[in-house]
């Protein structure tokens, strides 16, 4: 399988993978935002998602684009901005 090596496609892939995490674990995401333990609560799911992302993407492009970390914030945190939380 050819690795994704275009920055824009890497970003789209990261967002798609994390959108699936959000879809399948919406209640856990909500609880994690409310309790300010989102990343600890979803650690196994995020580790699996990250491993899949890493298996599909050229490592140098992934590091240079920081797509995974930006997608974490955009998809999991920003989309949950309506959830009441002590951190905002």
PDB file of N, CA and C in Angstrom:
ATOM      1  N   UNK A   1       0.846  -1.181   0.000  1.00  0.00           N
ATOM      2  CA  UNK A   1       0.000   0.000   0.000  1.00  0.00           C
ATOM      3  C   UNK A   1       0.890   1.242   0.000  1.00  0.00           C
ATOM      4  N   UNK A   2       0.565   2.177  -0.831  1.00  0.00           N
ATOM      5  CA  UNK A   2       1.307   3.426  -0.927  1.00  0.00           C
ATOM      6  C   UNK A   2       0.915   4.349   0.217  1.00  0.00           C
ATOM      7  N   UNK A   3       1.892   4.958   0.848  1.00  0.00           N
ATOM      8  CA  UNK A   3       1.632   5.881   1.946  1.00  0.00           C
ATOM      9  C   UNK A   3       1.209   7.239   1.412  1.00  0.00           C
ATOM     10  N   UNK A   4       0.307   7.872   2.138  1.00  0.00           N
ATOM     11  CA  UNK A   4      -0.148   9.218   1.783  1.00  0.00           C
ATOM     12  C   UNK A   4       1.004  10.172   2.044  1.00  0.00           C
ATOM     13  N   UNK A   5       1.326  10.994   1.043  1.00  0.00           N
ATOM     14  CA  UNK A   5       2.462  11.900   1.202  1.00  0.00           C
ATOM     15  C   UNK A   5       2.143  13.339   0.821  1.00  0.00           C
ATOM     16  N   UNK A   6       0.874  13.658   0.642  1.00  0.00           N
ATOM     17  CA  UNK A   6       0.463  15.033   0.347  1.00  0.00           C
ATOM     18  C   UNK A   6      -0.164  15.623   1.609  1.00  0.00           C
ATOM     19  N   UNK A   7       0.298  16.784   2.006  1.00  0.00           N
ATOM     20  CA  UNK A   7      -0.123  17.405   3.257  1.00  0.00           C
ATOM     21  C   UNK A   7      -1.643  17.531   3.378  1.00  0.00           C
ATOM     22  N   UNK A   8      -2.299  17.952   2.317  1.00  0.00           N
ATOM     23  CA  UNK A   8      -3.752  18.133   2.358  1.00  0.00           C
ATOM     24  C   UNK A   8      -4.471  16.801   2.573  1.00  0.00           C
ATOM     25  N   UNK A   9      -4.006  15.760   1.924  1.00  0.00           N
ATOM     26  CA  UNK A   9      -4.615  14.435   2.090  1.00  0.00           C
ATOM     27  C   UNK A   9      -4.334  13.877   3.479  1.00  0.00           C
ATOM     28  N   UNK A  10      -3.159  14.170   4.023  1.00  0.00           N
ATOM     29  CA  UNK A  10      -2.828  13.740   5.381  1.00  0.00           C
ATOM     30  C   UNK A  10      -3.787  14.395   6.380  1.00  0.00           C
ATOM     31  N   UNK A  11      -4.043  15.669   6.190  1.00  0.00           N
ATOM     32  CA  UNK A  11      -4.974  16.391   7.061  1.00  0.00           C
ATOM     33  C   UNK A  11      -6.373  15.805   6.962  1.00  0.00           C
ATOM     34  N   UNK A  12      -6.830  15.543   5.766  1.00  0.00           N
ATOM     35  CA  UNK A  12      -8.171  14.962   5.575  1.00  0.00           C
ATOM     36  C   UNK A  12      -8.270  13.589   6.223  1.00  0.00           C
ATOM     37  N   UNK A  13      -7.223  12.790   6.101  1.00  0.00           N
ATOM     38  CA  UNK A  13      -7.225  11.456   6.699  1.00  0.00           C
ATOM     39  C   UNK A  13      -7.308  11.544   8.219  1.00  0.00           C
ATOM     40  N   UNK A  14      -6.512  12.410   8.809  1.00  0.00           N
ATOM     41  CA  UNK A  14      -6.540  12.570  10.270  1.00  0.00           C
ATOM     42  C   UNK A  14      -7.929  12.983  10.730  1.00  0.00           C
ATOM     43  N   UNK A  15      -8.528  13.928  10.046  1.00  0.00           N
ATOM     44  CA  UNK A  15      -9.867  14.399  10.410  1.00  0.00           C
ATOM     45  C   UNK A  15     -10.913  13.299  10.225  1.00  0.00           C
ATOM     46  N   UNK A  16     -10.792  12.507   9.182  1.00  0.00           N
ATOM     47  CA  UNK A  16     -11.749  11.424   8.945  1.00  0.00           C
ATOM     48  C   UNK A  16     -11.650  10.352  10.032  1.00  0.00           C
ATOM     49  N   UNK A  17     -10.442   9.982  10.379  1.00  0.00           N
ATOM     50  CA  UNK A  17     -10.247   8.967  11.418  1.00  0.00           C
ATOM     51  C   UNK A  17     -10.815   9.462  12.740  1.00  0.00           C
ATOM     52  N   UNK A  18     -10.516  10.701  13.093  1.00  0.00           N
ATOM     53  CA  UNK A  18     -11.001  11.232  14.367  1.00  0.00           C
ATOM     54  C   UNK A  18     -12.499  11.513  14.334  1.00  0.00           C
ATOM     55  N   UNK A  19     -13.053  11.776  13.169  1.00  0.00           N
ATOM     56  CA  UNK A  19     -14.509  11.905  13.062  1.00  0.00           C
ATOM     57  C   UNK A  19     -15.177  10.570  13.383  1.00  0.00           C
ATOM     58  N   UNK A  20     -14.569   9.469  12.961  1.00  0.00           N
ATOM     59  CA  UNK A  20     -15.094   8.155  13.317  1.00  0.00           C
ATOM     60  C   UNK A  20     -15.031   7.923  14.821  1.00  0.00           C
ATOM     61  N   UNK A  21     -13.920   8.299  15.435  1.00  0.00           N
ATOM     62  CA  UNK A  21     -13.812   8.178  16.893  1.00  0.00           C
ATOM     63  C   UNK A  21     -14.926   8.982  17.555  1.00  0.00           C
ATOM     64  N   UNK A  22     -15.140  10.194  17.081  1.00  0.00           N
ATOM     65  CA  UNK A  22     -16.195  11.060  17.630  1.00  0.00           C
ATOM     66  C   UNK A  22     -17.568  10.419  17.446  1.00  0.00           C
ATOM     67  N   UNK A  23     -17.810   9.860  16.293  1.00  0.00           N
ATOM     68  CA  UNK A  23     -19.105   9.248  15.997  1.00  0.00           C
ATOM     69  C   UNK A  23     -19.367   8.036  16.888  1.00  0.00           C
ATOM     70  N   UNK A  24     -18.411   7.147  16.975  1.00  0.00           N
ATOM     71  CA  UNK A  24     -18.610   5.902  17.704  1.00  0.00           C
ATOM     72  C   UNK A  24     -18.461   6.031  19.215  1.00  0.00           C
ATOM     73  N   UNK A  25     -17.878   7.117  19.672  1.00  0.00           N
ATOM     74  CA  UNK A  25     -17.646   7.302  21.108  1.00  0.00           C
ATOM     75  C   UNK A  25     -18.147   8.664  21.585  1.00  0.00           C
ATOM     76  N   UNK A  26     -19.246   9.123  21.016  1.00  0.00           N
ATOM     77  CA  UNK A  26     -19.758  10.466  21.311  1.00  0.00           C
ATOM     78  C   UNK A  26     -20.021  10.670  22.797  1.00  0.00           C
ATOM     79  N   UNK A  27     -20.605   9.689  23.444  1.00  0.00           N
ATOM     80  CA  UNK A  27     -20.906   9.822  24.874  1.00  0.00           C
ATOM     81  C   UNK A  27     -19.626   9.912  25.702  1.00  0.00           C
ATOM     82  N   UNK A  28     -18.629   9.121  25.359  1.00  0.00           N
ATOM     83  CA  UNK A  28     -17.351   9.180  26.067  1.00  0.00           C
ATOM     84  C   UNK A  28     -16.652  10.523  25.824  1.00  0.00           C
ATOM     85  N   UNK A  29     -16.771  11.060  24.623  1.00  0.00           N
ATOM     86  CA  UNK A  29     -16.197  12.372  24.324  1.00  0.00           C
ATOM     87  C   UNK A  29     -16.878  13.427  25.193  1.00  0.00           C
ATOM     88  N   UNK A  30     -18.209  13.391  25.246  1.00  0.00           N
ATOM     89  CA  UNK A  30     -18.951  14.356  26.068  1.00  0.00           C
ATOM     90  C   UNK A  30     -18.525  14.254  27.529  1.00  0.00           C
ATOM     91  N   UNK A  31     -18.489  13.052  28.058  1.00  0.00           N
ATOM     92  CA  UNK A  31     -18.085  12.860  29.467  1.00  0.00           C
ATOM     93  C   UNK A  31     -16.646  13.313  29.698  1.00  0.00           C
ATOM     94  N   UNK A  32     -15.783  13.042  28.725  1.00  0.00           N
ATOM     95  CA  UNK A  32     -14.387  13.447  28.852  1.00  0.00           C
ATOM     96  C   UNK A  32     -14.213  14.958  28.868  1.00  0.00           C
ATOM     97  N   UNK A  33     -15.002  15.645  28.054  1.00  0.00           N
ATOM     98  CA  UNK A  33     -14.965  17.119  28.052  1.00  0.00           C
ATOM     99  C   UNK A  33     -15.479  17.638  29.396  1.00  0.00           C
ATOM    100  N   UNK A  34     -16.594  17.088  29.845  1.00  0.00           N
ATOM    101  CA  UNK A  34     -17.182  17.540  31.115  1.00  0.00           C
ATOM    102  C   UNK A  34     -16.237  17.330  32.285  1.00  0.00           C
ATOM    103  N   UNK A  35     -15.537  16.211  32.300  1.00  0.00           N
ATOM    104  CA  UNK A  35     -14.657  15.876  33.415  1.00  0.00           C
ATOM    105  C   UNK A  35     -13.211  16.316  33.194  1.00  0.00           C
ATOM    106  N   UNK A  36     -12.924  16.910  32.048  1.00  0.00           N
ATOM    107  CA  UNK A  36     -11.573  17.335  31.693  1.00  0.00           C
ATOM    108  C   UNK A  36     -10.581  16.170  31.745  1.00  0.00           C
ATOM    109  N   UNK A  37     -11.029  15.013  31.248  1.00  0.00           N
ATOM    110  CA  UNK A  37     -10.138  13.856  31.146  1.00  0.00           C
ATOM    111  C   UNK A  37     -10.307  13.151  29.792  1.00  0.00           C
ATOM    112  N   UNK A  38     -10.607  13.950  28.779  1.00  0.00           N
ATOM    113  CA  UNK A  38     -10.913  13.421  27.455  1.00  0.00           C
ATOM    114  C   UNK A  38      -9.831  12.481  26.937  1.00  0.00           C
ATOM    115  N   UNK A  39      -8.598  12.910  26.961  1.00  0.00           N
ATOM    116  CA  UNK A  39      -7.529  12.126  26.352  1.00  0.00           C
ATOM    117  C   UNK A  39      -7.195  10.883  27.175  1.00  0.00           C
ATOM    118  N   UNK A  40      -7.339  10.945  28.480  1.00  0.00           N
ATOM    119  CA  UNK A  40      -7.138   9.766  29.313  1.00  0.00           C
ATOM    120  C   UNK A  40      -8.295   8.787  29.115  1.00  0.00           C
ATOM    121  N   UNK A  41      -9.507   9.299  29.070  1.00  0.00           N
ATOM    122  CA  UNK A  41     -10.713   8.480  28.912  1.00  0.00           C
ATOM    123  C   UNK A  41     -10.702   7.722  27.578  1.00  0.00           C
ATOM    124  N   UNK A  42     -10.242   8.376  26.527  1.00  0.00           N
ATOM    125  CA  UNK A  42     -10.240   7.760  25.197  1.00  0.00           C
ATOM    126  C   UNK A  42      -8.860   7.244  24.776  1.00  0.00           C
ATOM    127  N   UNK A  43      -7.967   7.059  25.729  1.00  0.00           N
ATOM    128  CA  UNK A  43      -6.594   6.654  25.400  1.00  0.00           C
ATOM    129  C   UNK A  43      -6.516   5.405  24.516  1.00  0.00           C
ATOM    130  N   UNK A  44      -7.241   4.329  24.818  1.00  0.00           N
ATOM    131  CA  UNK A  44      -7.124   3.148  23.942  1.00  0.00           C
ATOM    132  C   UNK A  44      -7.650   3.411  22.526  1.00  0.00           C
ATOM    133  N   UNK A  45      -8.766   4.100  22.422  1.00  0.00           N
ATOM    134  CA  UNK A  45      -9.346   4.388  21.113  1.00  0.00           C
ATOM    135  C   UNK A  45      -8.444   5.319  20.307  1.00  0.00           C
ATOM    136  N   UNK A  46      -7.878   6.318  20.981  1.00  0.00           N
ATOM    137  CA  UNK A  46      -6.995   7.256  20.292  1.00  0.00           C
ATOM    138  C   UNK A  46      -5.686   6.589  19.887  1.00  0.00           C
ATOM    139  N   UNK A  47      -5.195   5.680  20.710  1.00  0.00           N
ATOM    140  CA  UNK A  47      -3.968   4.958  20.361  1.00  0.00           C
ATOM    141  C   UNK A  47      -4.196   4.090  19.118  1.00  0.00           C
ATOM    142  N   UNK A  48      -5.336   3.419  19.060  1.00  0.00           N
ATOM    143  CA  UNK A  48      -5.657   2.604  17.890  1.00  0.00           C
ATOM    144  C   UNK A  48      -5.824   3.467  16.642  1.00  0.00           C
ATOM    145  N   UNK A  49      -6.508   4.591  16.797  1.00  0.00           N
ATOM    146  CA  UNK A  49      -6.707   5.510  15.675  1.00  0.00           C
ATOM    147  C   UNK A  49      -5.376   6.069  15.196  1.00  0.00           C
ATOM    148  N   UNK A  50      -4.509   6.427  16.128  1.00  0.00           N
ATOM    149  CA  UNK A  50      -3.195   6.977  15.759  1.00  0.00           C
ATOM    150  C   UNK A  50      -2.344   5.931  15.051  1.00  0.00           C
ATOM    151  N   UNK A  51      -2.409   4.707  15.519  1.00  0.00           N
ATOM    152  CA  UNK A  51      -1.644   3.633  14.877  1.00  0.00           C
ATOM    153  C   UNK A  51      -2.109   3.435  13.429  1.00  0.00           C
ATOM    154  N   UNK A  52      -3.403   3.503  13.214  1.00  0.00           N
ATOM    155  CA  UNK A  52      -3.927   3.385  11.856  1.00  0.00           C
ATOM    156  C   UNK A  52      -3.450   4.552  10.995  1.00  0.00           C
ATOM    157  N   UNK A  53      -3.544   5.767  11.534  1.00  0.00           N
ATOM    158  CA  UNK A  53      -3.070   6.966  10.825  1.00  0.00           C
ATOM    159  C   UNK A  53      -1.599   6.809  10.451  1.00  0.00           C
ATOM    160  N   UNK A  54      -0.785   6.415  11.420  1.00  0.00           N
ATOM    161  CA  UNK A  54       0.651   6.264  11.177  1.00  0.00           C
ATOM    162  C   UNK A  54       0.949   5.196  10.127  1.00  0.00           C
ATOM    163  N   UNK A  55       0.109   4.179  10.058  1.00  0.00           N
ATOM    164  CA  UNK A  55       0.339   3.110   9.080  1.00  0.00           C
ATOM    165  C   UNK A  55       0.003   3.543   7.656  1.00  0.00           C
ATOM    166  N   UNK A  56      -0.746   4.621   7.512  1.00  0.00           N
ATOM    167  CA  UNK A  56      -1.203   5.077   6.200  1.00  0.00           C
ATOM    168  C   UNK A  56      -0.455   6.291   5.670  1.00  0.00           C
ATOM    169  N   UNK A  57       0.341   6.954   6.524  1.00  0.00           N
ATOM    170  CA  UNK A  57       0.912   8.259   6.180  1.00  0.00           C
ATOM    171  C   UNK A  57       2.432   8.209   6.182  1.00  0.00           C
ATOM    172  N   UNK A  58       3.030   8.913   5.225  1.00  0.00           N
ATOM    173  CA  UNK A  58       4.481   9.085   5.181  1.00  0.00           C
ATOM    174  C   UNK A  58       4.905   9.822   6.456  1.00  0.00           C
ATOM    175  N   UNK A  59       5.773   9.242   7.289  1.00  0.00           N
ATOM    176  CA  UNK A  59       6.117   9.842   8.584  1.00  0.00           C
ATOM    177  C   UNK A  59       6.617  11.289   8.513  1.00  0.00           C
ATOM    178  N   UNK A  60       7.451  11.600   7.558  1.00  0.00           N
ATOM    179  CA  UNK A  60       7.991  12.969   7.476  1.00  0.00           C
ATOM    180  C   UNK A  60       6.883  13.977   7.194  1.00  0.00           C
ATOM    181  N   UNK A  61       5.941  13.608   6.375  1.00  0.00           N
ATOM    182  CA  UNK A  61       4.828  14.513   6.049  1.00  0.00           C
ATOM    183  C   UNK A  61       3.925  14.672   7.266  1.00  0.00           C
ATOM    184  N   UNK A  62       3.676  13.584   7.968  1.00  0.00           N
ATOM    185  CA  UNK A  62       2.833  13.648   9.171  1.00  0.00           C
ATOM    186  C   UNK A  62       3.453  14.572  10.218  1.00  0.00           C
ATOM    187  N   UNK A  63       4.755  14.444  10.438  1.00  0.00           N
ATOM    188  CA  UNK A  63       5.439  15.300  11.420  1.00  0.00           C
ATOM    189  C   UNK A  63       5.415  16.758  10.985  1.00  0.00           C
ATOM    190  N   UNK A  64       5.705  17.003   9.738  1.00  0.00           N
ATOM    191  CA  UNK A  64       5.784  18.379   9.238  1.00  0.00           C
ATOM    192  C   UNK A  64       4.431  19.075   9.267  1.00  0.00           C
ATOM    193  N   UNK A  65       3.376  18.338   9.016  1.00  0.00           N
ATOM    194  CA  UNK A  65       2.051  18.969   8.937  1.00  0.00           C
ATOM    195  C   UNK A  65       1.376  19.106  10.299  1.00  0.00           C
ATOM    196  N   UNK A  66       1.803  18.303  11.281  1.00  0.00           N
ATOM    197  CA  UNK A  66       1.169  18.291  12.604  1.00  0.00           C
ATOM    198  C   UNK A  66      -0.337  18.028  12.476  1.00  0.00           C
ATOM    199  N   UNK A  67      -0.729  17.319  11.438  1.00  0.00           N
ATOM    200  CA  UNK A  67      -2.143  17.099  11.123  1.00  0.00           C
ATOM    201  C   UNK A  67      -2.883  16.371  12.226  1.00  0.00           C
ATOM    202  N   UNK A  68      -2.241  15.393  12.841  1.00  0.00           N
ATOM    203  CA  UNK A  68      -2.934  14.615  13.872  1.00  0.00           C
ATOM    204  C   UNK A  68      -3.329  15.499  15.059  1.00  0.00           C
ATOM    205  N   UNK A  69      -2.395  16.269  15.569  1.00  0.00           N
ATOM    206  CA  UNK A  69      -2.682  17.109  16.740  1.00  0.00           C
ATOM    207  C   UNK A  69      -3.709  18.190  16.425  1.00  0.00           C
ATOM    208  N   UNK A  70      -3.617  18.781  15.255  1.00  0.00           N
ATOM    209  CA  UNK A  70      -4.614  19.788  14.872  1.00  0.00           C
ATOM    210  C   UNK A  70      -5.986  19.160  14.737  1.00  0.00           C
ATOM    211  N   UNK A  71      -6.050  17.962  14.167  1.00  0.00           N
ATOM    212  CA  UNK A  71      -7.340  17.279  14.015  1.00  0.00           C
ATOM    213  C   UNK A  71      -7.920  16.892  15.370  1.00  0.00           C
ATOM    214  N   UNK A  72      -7.079  16.513  16.325  1.00  0.00           N
ATOM    215  CA  UNK A  72      -7.577  16.219  17.678  1.00  0.00           C
ATOM    216  C   UNK A  72      -8.338  17.414  18.242  1.00  0.00           C
ATOM    217  N   UNK A  73      -7.753  18.577  18.115  1.00  0.00           N
ATOM    218  CA  UNK A  73      -8.390  19.784  18.642  1.00  0.00           C
ATOM    219  C   UNK A  73      -9.625  20.145  17.825  1.00  0.00           C
ATOM    220  N   UNK A  74      -9.493  20.164  16.515  1.00  0.00           N
ATOM    221  CA  UNK A  74     -10.613  20.560  15.647  1.00  0.00           C
ATOM    222  C   UNK A  74     -11.802  19.612  15.757  1.00  0.00           C
ATOM    223  N   UNK A  75     -11.541  18.332  15.732  1.00  0.00           N
ATOM    224  CA  UNK A  75     -12.625  17.358  15.663  1.00  0.00           C
ATOM    225  C   UNK A  75     -13.182  17.022  17.043  1.00  0.00           C
ATOM    226  N   UNK A  76     -12.327  16.665  17.990  1.00  0.00           N
ATOM    227  CA  UNK A  76     -12.837  16.239  19.287  1.00  0.00           C
ATOM    228  C   UNK A  76     -13.178  17.402  20.212  1.00  0.00           C
ATOM    229  N   UNK A  77     -12.334  18.392  20.271  1.00  0.00           N
ATOM    230  CA  UNK A  77     -12.538  19.474  21.233  1.00  0.00           C
ATOM    231  C   UNK A  77     -13.450  20.564  20.664  1.00  0.00           C
ATOM    232  N   UNK A  78     -13.116  21.121  19.525  1.00  0.00           N
ATOM    233  CA  UNK A  78     -13.900  22.235  18.991  1.00  0.00           C
ATOM    234  C   UNK A  78     -15.342  21.834  18.706  1.00  0.00           C
ATOM    235  N   UNK A  79     -15.540  20.651  18.156  1.00  0.00           N
ATOM    236  CA  UNK A  79     -16.908  20.206  17.884  1.00  0.00           C
ATOM    237  C   UNK A  79     -17.705  19.972  19.161  1.00  0.00           C
ATOM    238  N   UNK A  80     -17.023  19.860  20.284  1.00  0.00           N
ATOM    239  CA  UNK A  80     -17.692  19.640  21.566  1.00  0.00           C
ATOM    240  C   UNK A  80     -17.804  20.929  22.369  1.00  0.00           C
ATOM    241  N   UNK A  81     -17.656  22.055  21.723  1.00  0.00           N
ATOM    242  CA  UNK A  81     -17.609  23.337  22.434  1.00  0.00           C
ATOM    243  C   UNK A  81     -18.910  23.665  23.170  1.00  0.00           C
ATOM    244  N   UNK A  82     -20.032  23.042  22.814  1.00  0.00           N
ATOM    245  CA  UNK A  82     -21.307  23.298  23.486  1.00  0.00           C
ATOM    246  C   UNK A  82     -21.423  22.534  24.807  1.00  0.00           C
ATOM    247  N   UNK A  83     -20.544  21.580  25.021  1.00  0.00           N
ATOM    248  CA  UNK A  83     -20.575  20.790  26.257  1.00  0.00           C
ATOM    249  C   UNK A  83     -20.035  21.645  27.394  1.00  0.00           C
ATOM    250  N   UNK A  84     -20.764  21.662  28.494  1.00  0.00           N
ATOM    251  CA  UNK A  84     -20.304  22.429  29.655  1.00  0.00           C
ATOM    252  C   UNK A  84     -19.056  21.771  30.238  1.00  0.00           C
ATOM    253  N   UNK A  85     -18.074  22.608  30.523  1.00  0.00           N
ATOM    254  CA  UNK A  85     -16.807  22.098  31.021  1.00  0.00           C
ATOM    255  C   UNK A  85     -16.160  23.126  31.933  1.00  0.00           C
ATOM    256  N   UNK A  86     -15.466  22.677  32.958  1.00  0.00           N
ATOM    257  CA  UNK A  86     -14.760  23.619  33.826  1.00  0.00           C
ATOM    258  C   UNK A  86     -13.558  24.288  33.160  1.00  0.00           C
ATOM    259  N   UNK A  87     -13.135  23.767  32.002  1.00  0.00           N
ATOM    260  CA  UNK A  87     -11.953  24.346  31.353  1.00  0.00           C
ATOM    261  C   UNK A  87     -12.295  25.476  30.408  1.00  0.00           C
ATOM    262  N   UNK A  88     -13.601  25.734  30.150  1.00  0.00           N
ATOM    263  CA  UNK A  88     -13.983  26.889  29.356  1.00  0.00           C
ATOM    264  C   UNK A  88     -15.272  27.463  29.783  1.00  0.00           C
TER     265      UNK A  88
END
